[in-house]
Amino acid sequence: MSAKTDPRDESGGSKYFYRRSLSGRELLPVLGVAAAAGLLAFYVARIMQQRTPLLPEDSPARRPSRPRPPRAR
């Protein structure tokens, strides 16, 4: 039988974690990502609002069609 090269026992480790408070320096990247995501969402919403419709409002294709009366036989 060959000997183990890494005889560490891994059964003693805990699977629980605790949250630590972050310093201002550690929060800067998170705040930058949040600001960039907010600006991107604002930009996309602004572009969607500024779009010009392809068909004008008074176009016949935009008017609701009336149901046709039944044809006489």
PDB file of N, CA and C in Angstrom:
ATOM      1  N   MET A   1       0.826  -1.173   0.000  1.00  0.00           N
ATOM      2  CA  MET A   1       0.000   0.000   0.000  1.00  0.00           C
ATOM      3  C   MET A   1       0.876   1.245   0.000  1.00  0.00           C
ATOM      4  N   SER A   2       0.470   2.232  -0.766  1.00  0.00           N
ATOM      5  CA  SER A   2       1.246   3.468  -0.797  1.00  0.00           C
ATOM      6  C   SER A   2       0.764   4.423   0.294  1.00  0.00           C
ATOM      7  N   ALA A   3       1.660   5.246   0.766  1.00  0.00           N
ATOM      8  CA  ALA A   3       1.322   6.200   1.826  1.00  0.00           C
ATOM      9  C   ALA A   3       0.637   7.416   1.223  1.00  0.00           C
ATOM     10  N   LYS A   4      -0.215   8.050   2.025  1.00  0.00           N
ATOM     11  CA  LYS A   4      -0.861   9.284   1.582  1.00  0.00           C
ATOM     12  C   LYS A   4       0.175  10.392   1.515  1.00  0.00           C
ATOM     13  N   THR A   5       0.086  11.208   0.478  1.00  0.00           N
ATOM     14  CA  THR A   5       1.019  12.328   0.377  1.00  0.00           C
ATOM     15  C   THR A   5       0.515  13.536   1.159  1.00  0.00           C
ATOM     16  N   ASP A   6      -0.791  13.621   1.390  1.00  0.00           N
ATOM     17  CA  ASP A   6      -1.360  14.742   2.144  1.00  0.00           C
ATOM     18  C   ASP A   6      -2.220  14.175   3.271  1.00  0.00           C
ATOM     19  N   PRO A   7      -1.651  13.965   4.438  1.00  0.00           N
ATOM     20  CA  PRO A   7      -2.384  13.284   5.505  1.00  0.00           C
ATOM     21  C   PRO A   7      -3.323  14.191   6.312  1.00  0.00           C
ATOM     22  N   ARG A   8      -3.693  15.369   5.788  1.00  0.00           N
ATOM     23  CA  ARG A   8      -4.576  16.263   6.548  1.00  0.00           C
ATOM     24  C   ARG A   8      -5.965  15.663   6.699  1.00  0.00           C
ATOM     25  N   ASP A   9      -6.531  15.832   7.841  1.00  0.00           N
ATOM     26  CA  ASP A   9      -7.891  15.352   8.115  1.00  0.00           C
ATOM     27  C   ASP A   9      -8.867  16.469   7.759  1.00  0.00           C
ATOM     28  N   GLU A  10      -9.758  16.226   6.810  1.00  0.00           N
ATOM     29  CA  GLU A  10     -10.704  17.246   6.356  1.00  0.00           C
ATOM     30  C   GLU A  10     -12.052  17.148   7.050  1.00  0.00           C
ATOM     31  N   SER A  11     -12.236  16.216   7.951  1.00  0.00           N
ATOM     32  CA  SER A  11     -13.531  16.050   8.597  1.00  0.00           C
ATOM     33  C   SER A  11     -13.770  17.068   9.706  1.00  0.00           C
ATOM     34  N   GLY A  12     -12.750  17.765  10.165  1.00  0.00           N
ATOM     35  CA  GLY A  12     -12.891  18.696  11.274  1.00  0.00           C
ATOM     36  C   GLY A  12     -13.358  20.080  10.861  1.00  0.00           C
ATOM     37  N   GLY A  13     -13.442  20.359   9.576  1.00  0.00           N
ATOM     38  CA  GLY A  13     -13.813  21.686   9.115  1.00  0.00           C
ATOM     39  C   GLY A  13     -15.290  21.986   9.326  1.00  0.00           C
ATOM     40  N   SER A  14     -15.594  23.233   9.495  1.00  0.00           N
ATOM     41  CA  SER A  14     -16.981  23.648   9.698  1.00  0.00           C
ATOM     42  C   SER A  14     -17.557  24.133   8.370  1.00  0.00           C
ATOM     43  N   LYS A  15     -18.825  23.891   8.150  1.00  0.00           N
ATOM     44  CA  LYS A  15     -19.474  24.343   6.925  1.00  0.00           C
ATOM     45  C   LYS A  15     -20.258  25.629   7.161  1.00  0.00           C
ATOM     46  N   TYR A  16     -20.111  26.233   8.322  1.00  0.00           N
ATOM     47  CA  TYR A  16     -20.802  27.469   8.648  1.00  0.00           C
ATOM     48  C   TYR A  16     -19.892  28.656   8.375  1.00  0.00           C
ATOM     49  N   PHE A  17     -20.501  29.746   7.935  1.00  0.00           N
ATOM     50  CA  PHE A  17     -19.759  30.964   7.642  1.00  0.00           C
ATOM     51  C   PHE A  17     -20.361  32.103   8.438  1.00  0.00           C
ATOM     52  N   TYR A  18     -19.604  33.123   8.660  1.00  0.00           N
ATOM     53  CA  TYR A  18     -20.132  34.315   9.310  1.00  0.00           C
ATOM     54  C   TYR A  18     -19.847  35.507   8.408  1.00  0.00           C
ATOM     55  N   ARG A  19     -20.674  36.537   8.533  1.00  0.00           N
ATOM     56  CA  ARG A  19     -20.501  37.740   7.732  1.00  0.00           C
ATOM     57  C   ARG A  19     -19.640  38.725   8.494  1.00  0.00           C
ATOM     58  N   ARG A  20     -18.715  39.297   7.815  1.00  0.00           N
ATOM     59  CA  ARG A  20     -17.875  40.295   8.443  1.00  0.00           C
ATOM     60  C   ARG A  20     -18.222  41.663   7.872  1.00  0.00           C
ATOM     61  N   SER A  21     -17.960  42.700   8.611  1.00  0.00           N
ATOM     62  CA  SER A  21     -18.230  44.045   8.112  1.00  0.00           C
ATOM     63  C   SER A  21     -17.113  44.426   7.138  1.00  0.00           C
ATOM     64  N   LEU A  22     -17.499  45.106   6.069  1.00  0.00           N
ATOM     65  CA  LEU A  22     -16.537  45.485   5.047  1.00  0.00           C
ATOM     66  C   LEU A  22     -16.102  46.927   5.248  1.00  0.00           C
ATOM     67  N   SER A  23     -14.874  47.195   4.899  1.00  0.00           N
ATOM     68  CA  SER A  23     -14.368  48.562   4.999  1.00  0.00           C
ATOM     69  C   SER A  23     -14.787  49.340   3.746  1.00  0.00           C
ATOM     70  N   GLY A  24     -14.581  50.629   3.790  1.00  0.00           N
ATOM     71  CA  GLY A  24     -14.929  51.477   2.652  1.00  0.00           C
ATOM     72  C   GLY A  24     -14.153  51.109   1.396  1.00  0.00           C
ATOM     73  N   ARG A  25     -12.916  50.737   1.573  1.00  0.00           N
ATOM     74  CA  ARG A  25     -12.080  50.364   0.428  1.00  0.00           C
ATOM     75  C   ARG A  25     -12.600  49.080  -0.239  1.00  0.00           C
ATOM     76  N   GLU A  26     -13.123  48.164   0.559  1.00  0.00           N
ATOM     77  CA  GLU A  26     -13.663  46.924   0.004  1.00  0.00           C
ATOM     78  C   GLU A  26     -15.025  47.134  -0.642  1.00  0.00           C
ATOM     79  N   LEU A  27     -15.736  48.200  -0.262  1.00  0.00           N
ATOM     80  CA  LEU A  27     -17.048  48.479  -0.839  1.00  0.00           C
ATOM     81  C   LEU A  27     -16.976  49.260  -2.147  1.00  0.00           C
ATOM     82  N   LEU A  28     -15.862  49.900  -2.437  1.00  0.00           N
ATOM     83  CA  LEU A  28     -15.752  50.724  -3.638  1.00  0.00           C
ATOM     84  C   LEU A  28     -16.057  49.967  -4.933  1.00  0.00           C
ATOM     85  N   PRO A  29     -15.520  48.780  -5.171  1.00  0.00           N
ATOM     86  CA  PRO A  29     -15.861  48.077  -6.414  1.00  0.00           C
ATOM     87  C   PRO A  29     -17.354  47.750  -6.520  1.00  0.00           C
ATOM     88  N   VAL A  30     -17.962  47.409  -5.404  1.00  0.00           N
ATOM     89  CA  VAL A  30     -19.389  47.081  -5.407  1.00  0.00           C
ATOM     90  C   VAL A  30     -20.215  48.320  -5.736  1.00  0.00           C
ATOM     91  N   LEU A  31     -19.844  49.447  -5.147  1.00  0.00           N
ATOM     92  CA  LEU A  31     -20.563  50.690  -5.425  1.00  0.00           C
ATOM     93  C   LEU A  31     -20.371  51.122  -6.885  1.00  0.00           C
ATOM     94  N   GLY A  32     -19.198  50.892  -7.436  1.00  0.00           N
ATOM     95  CA  GLY A  32     -18.946  51.215  -8.840  1.00  0.00           C
ATOM     96  C   GLY A  32     -19.797  50.372  -9.776  1.00  0.00           C
ATOM     97  N   VAL A  33     -19.906  49.097  -9.481  1.00  0.00           N
ATOM     98  CA  VAL A  33     -20.735  48.210 -10.310  1.00  0.00           C
ATOM     99  C   VAL A  33     -22.208  48.607 -10.204  1.00  0.00           C
ATOM    100  N   ALA A  34     -22.660  48.943  -9.004  1.00  0.00           N
ATOM    101  CA  ALA A  34     -24.055  49.356  -8.813  1.00  0.00           C
ATOM    102  C   ALA A  34     -24.341  50.648  -9.567  1.00  0.00           C
ATOM    103  N   ALA A  35     -23.434  51.607  -9.528  1.00  0.00           N
ATOM    104  CA  ALA A  35     -23.621  52.868 -10.242  1.00  0.00           C
ATOM    105  C   ALA A  35     -23.635  52.628 -11.753  1.00  0.00           C
ATOM    106  N   ALA A  36     -22.750  51.774 -12.242  1.00  0.00           N
ATOM    107  CA  ALA A  36     -22.714  51.479 -13.683  1.00  0.00           C
ATOM    108  C   ALA A  36     -24.000  50.778 -14.128  1.00  0.00           C
ATOM    109  N   ALA A  37     -24.507  49.859 -13.324  1.00  0.00           N
ATOM    110  CA  ALA A  37     -25.750  49.168 -13.673  1.00  0.00           C
ATOM    111  C   ALA A  37     -26.921  50.142 -13.680  1.00  0.00           C
ATOM    112  N   GLY A  38     -26.957  51.067 -12.729  1.00  0.00           N
ATOM    113  CA  GLY A  38     -28.016  52.073 -12.696  1.00  0.00           C
ATOM    114  C   GLY A  38     -27.961  52.987 -13.906  1.00  0.00           C
ATOM    115  N   LEU A  39     -26.771  53.432 -14.278  1.00  0.00           N
ATOM    116  CA  LEU A  39     -26.630  54.284 -15.460  1.00  0.00           C
ATOM    117  C   LEU A  39     -27.006  53.541 -16.738  1.00  0.00           C
ATOM    118  N   LEU A  40     -26.646  52.279 -16.823  1.00  0.00           N
ATOM    119  CA  LEU A  40     -27.011  51.494 -17.999  1.00  0.00           C
ATOM    120  C   LEU A  40     -28.531  51.322 -18.097  1.00  0.00           C
ATOM    121  N   ALA A  41     -29.181  51.051 -16.983  1.00  0.00           N
ATOM    122  CA  ALA A  41     -30.637  50.914 -16.983  1.00  0.00           C
ATOM    123  C   ALA A  41     -31.301  52.235 -17.366  1.00  0.00           C
ATOM    124  N   PHE A  42     -30.789  53.359 -16.853  1.00  0.00           N
ATOM    125  CA  PHE A  42     -31.328  54.669 -17.207  1.00  0.00           C
ATOM    126  C   PHE A  42     -31.154  54.931 -18.699  1.00  0.00           C
ATOM    127  N   TYR A  43     -29.980  54.610 -19.235  1.00  0.00           N
ATOM    128  CA  TYR A  43     -29.706  54.838 -20.662  1.00  0.00           C
ATOM    129  C   TYR A  43     -30.641  54.009 -21.539  1.00  0.00           C
ATOM    130  N   VAL A  44     -30.817  52.742 -21.208  1.00  0.00           N
ATOM    131  CA  VAL A  44     -31.690  51.880 -22.011  1.00  0.00           C
ATOM    132  C   VAL A  44     -33.134  52.369 -21.941  1.00  0.00           C
ATOM    133  N   ALA A  45     -33.602  52.773 -20.756  1.00  0.00           N
ATOM    134  CA  ALA A  45     -34.970  53.282 -20.625  1.00  0.00           C
ATOM    135  C   ALA A  45     -35.142  54.573 -21.415  1.00  0.00           C
ATOM    136  N   ARG A  46     -34.135  55.413 -21.394  1.00  0.00           N
ATOM    137  CA  ARG A  46     -34.211  56.677 -22.150  1.00  0.00           C
ATOM    138  C   ARG A  46     -34.246  56.416 -23.650  1.00  0.00           C
ATOM    139  N   ILE A  47     -33.443  55.498 -24.127  1.00  0.00           N
ATOM    140  CA  ILE A  47     -33.438  55.164 -25.556  1.00  0.00           C
ATOM    141  C   ILE A  47     -34.785  54.577 -25.964  1.00  0.00           C
ATOM    142  N   MET A  48     -35.344  53.710 -25.137  1.00  0.00           N
ATOM    143  CA  MET A  48     -36.643  53.110 -25.457  1.00  0.00           C
ATOM    144  C   MET A  48     -37.738  54.175 -25.490  1.00  0.00           C
ATOM    145  N   GLN A  49     -37.655  55.181 -24.639  1.00  0.00           N
ATOM    146  CA  GLN A  49     -38.662  56.220 -24.589  1.00  0.00           C
ATOM    147  C   GLN A  49     -38.525  57.182 -25.769  1.00  0.00           C
ATOM    148  N   GLN A  50     -37.342  57.370 -26.287  1.00  0.00           N
ATOM    149  CA  GLN A  50     -37.108  58.323 -27.367  1.00  0.00           C
ATOM    150  C   GLN A  50     -37.308  57.728 -28.754  1.00  0.00           C
ATOM    151  N   ARG A  51     -37.629  56.455 -28.834  1.00  0.00           N
ATOM    152  CA  ARG A  51     -37.804  55.844 -30.151  1.00  0.00           C
ATOM    153  C   ARG A  51     -38.952  56.498 -30.898  1.00  0.00           C
ATOM    154  N   THR A  52     -38.786  56.646 -32.205  1.00  0.00           N
ATOM    155  CA  THR A  52     -39.851  57.146 -33.058  1.00  0.00           C
ATOM    156  C   THR A  52     -40.593  55.947 -33.628  1.00  0.00           C
ATOM    157  N   PRO A  53     -41.932  55.940 -33.525  1.00  0.00           N
ATOM    158  CA  PRO A  53     -42.671  54.802 -34.078  1.00  0.00           C
ATOM    159  C   PRO A  53     -42.509  54.735 -35.592  1.00  0.00           C
ATOM    160  N   LEU A  54     -42.478  53.532 -36.123  1.00  0.00           N
ATOM    161  CA  LEU A  54     -42.329  53.369 -37.567  1.00  0.00           C
ATOM    162  C   LEU A  54     -43.588  53.781 -38.308  1.00  0.00           C
ATOM    163  N   LEU A  55     -44.738  53.575 -37.699  1.00  0.00           N
ATOM    164  CA  LEU A  55     -46.004  53.983 -38.303  1.00  0.00           C
ATOM    165  C   LEU A  55     -46.556  55.173 -37.538  1.00  0.00           C
ATOM    166  N   PRO A  56     -46.967  56.243 -38.235  1.00  0.00           N
ATOM    167  CA  PRO A  56     -47.553  57.377 -37.524  1.00  0.00           C
ATOM    168  C   PRO A  56     -48.874  56.992 -36.867  1.00  0.00           C
ATOM    169  N   GLU A  57     -49.315  57.804 -35.905  1.00  0.00           N
ATOM    170  CA  GLU A  57     -50.526  57.514 -35.159  1.00  0.00           C
ATOM    171  C   GLU A  57     -51.769  57.454 -36.035  1.00  0.00           C
ATOM    172  N   ASP A  58     -51.840  58.266 -37.083  1.00  0.00           N
ATOM    173  CA  ASP A  58     -53.037  58.297 -37.923  1.00  0.00           C
ATOM    174  C   ASP A  58     -52.948  57.355 -39.120  1.00  0.00           C
ATOM    175  N   SER A  59     -52.020  56.446 -39.104  1.00  0.00           N
ATOM    176  CA  SER A  59     -51.851  55.484 -40.184  1.00  0.00           C
ATOM    177  C   SER A  59     -53.009  54.481 -40.191  1.00  0.00           C
ATOM    178  N   PRO A  60     -53.474  54.055 -41.388  1.00  0.00           N
ATOM    179  CA  PRO A  60     -54.559  53.064 -41.432  1.00  0.00           C
ATOM    180  C   PRO A  60     -54.161  51.736 -40.780  1.00  0.00           C
ATOM    181  N   ALA A  61     -52.895  51.419 -40.782  1.00  0.00           N
ATOM    182  CA  ALA A  61     -52.457  50.157 -40.164  1.00  0.00           C
ATOM    183  C   ALA A  61     -52.573  50.225 -38.642  1.00  0.00           C
ATOM    184  N   ARG A  62     -52.578  51.411 -38.067  1.00  0.00           N
ATOM    185  CA  ARG A  62     -52.683  51.560 -36.623  1.00  0.00           C
ATOM    186  C   ARG A  62     -54.121  51.643 -36.139  1.00  0.00           C
ATOM    187  N   ARG A  63     -55.049  51.997 -37.016  1.00  0.00           N
ATOM    188  CA  ARG A  63     -56.445  52.103 -36.610  1.00  0.00           C
ATOM    189  C   ARG A  63     -57.013  50.718 -36.350  1.00  0.00           C
ATOM    190  N   PRO A  64     -57.843  50.587 -35.340  1.00  0.00           N
ATOM    191  CA  PRO A  64     -58.449  49.271 -35.111  1.00  0.00           C
ATOM    192  C   PRO A  64     -59.420  48.938 -36.236  1.00  0.00           C
ATOM    193  N   SER A  65     -59.343  47.736 -36.696  1.00  0.00           N
ATOM    194  CA  SER A  65     -60.223  47.340 -37.804  1.00  0.00           C
ATOM    195  C   SER A  65     -61.614  47.013 -37.263  1.00  0.00           C
ATOM    196  N   ARG A  66     -62.611  47.362 -38.049  1.00  0.00           N
ATOM    197  CA  ARG A  66     -63.991  47.060 -37.680  1.00  0.00           C
ATOM    198  C   ARG A  66     -64.328  45.675 -38.208  1.00  0.00           C
ATOM    199  N   PRO A  67     -65.124  44.941 -37.468  1.00  0.00           N
ATOM    200  CA  PRO A  67     -65.502  43.618 -37.981  1.00  0.00           C
ATOM    201  C   PRO A  67     -66.377  43.761 -39.224  1.00  0.00           C
ATOM    202  N   ARG A  68     -66.114  42.925 -40.184  1.00  0.00           N
ATOM    203  CA  ARG A  68     -66.882  42.974 -41.431  1.00  0.00           C
ATOM    204  C   ARG A  68     -68.279  42.375 -41.204  1.00  0.00           C
ATOM    205  N   PRO A  69     -69.269  42.969 -41.842  1.00  0.00           N
ATOM    206  CA  PRO A  69     -70.607  42.355 -41.739  1.00  0.00           C
ATOM    207  C   PRO A  69     -70.623  41.047 -42.508  1.00  0.00           C
ATOM    208  N   PRO A  70     -71.467  40.113 -42.087  1.00  0.00           N
ATOM    209  CA  PRO A  70     -71.522  38.836 -42.813  1.00  0.00           C
ATOM    210  C   PRO A  70     -71.995  39.047 -44.256  1.00  0.00           C
ATOM    211  N   ARG A  71     -71.376  38.293 -45.157  1.00  0.00           N
ATOM    212  CA  ARG A  71     -71.741  38.413 -46.578  1.00  0.00           C
ATOM    213  C   ARG A  71     -73.039  37.635 -46.849  1.00  0.00           C
ATOM    214  N   ALA A  72     -73.848  38.230 -47.706  1.00  0.00           N
ATOM    215  CA  ALA A  72     -75.120  37.556 -48.099  1.00  0.00           C
ATOM    216  C   ALA A  72     -74.802  36.528 -49.176  1.00  0.00           C
ATOM    217  N   ARG A  73     -75.490  35.401 -49.145  1.00  0.00           N
ATOM    218  CA  ARG A  73     -75.266  34.371 -50.142  1.00  0.00           C
ATOM    219  C   ARG A  73     -76.230  34.458 -51.266  1.00  0.00           C
TER     220      ARG A  73
END
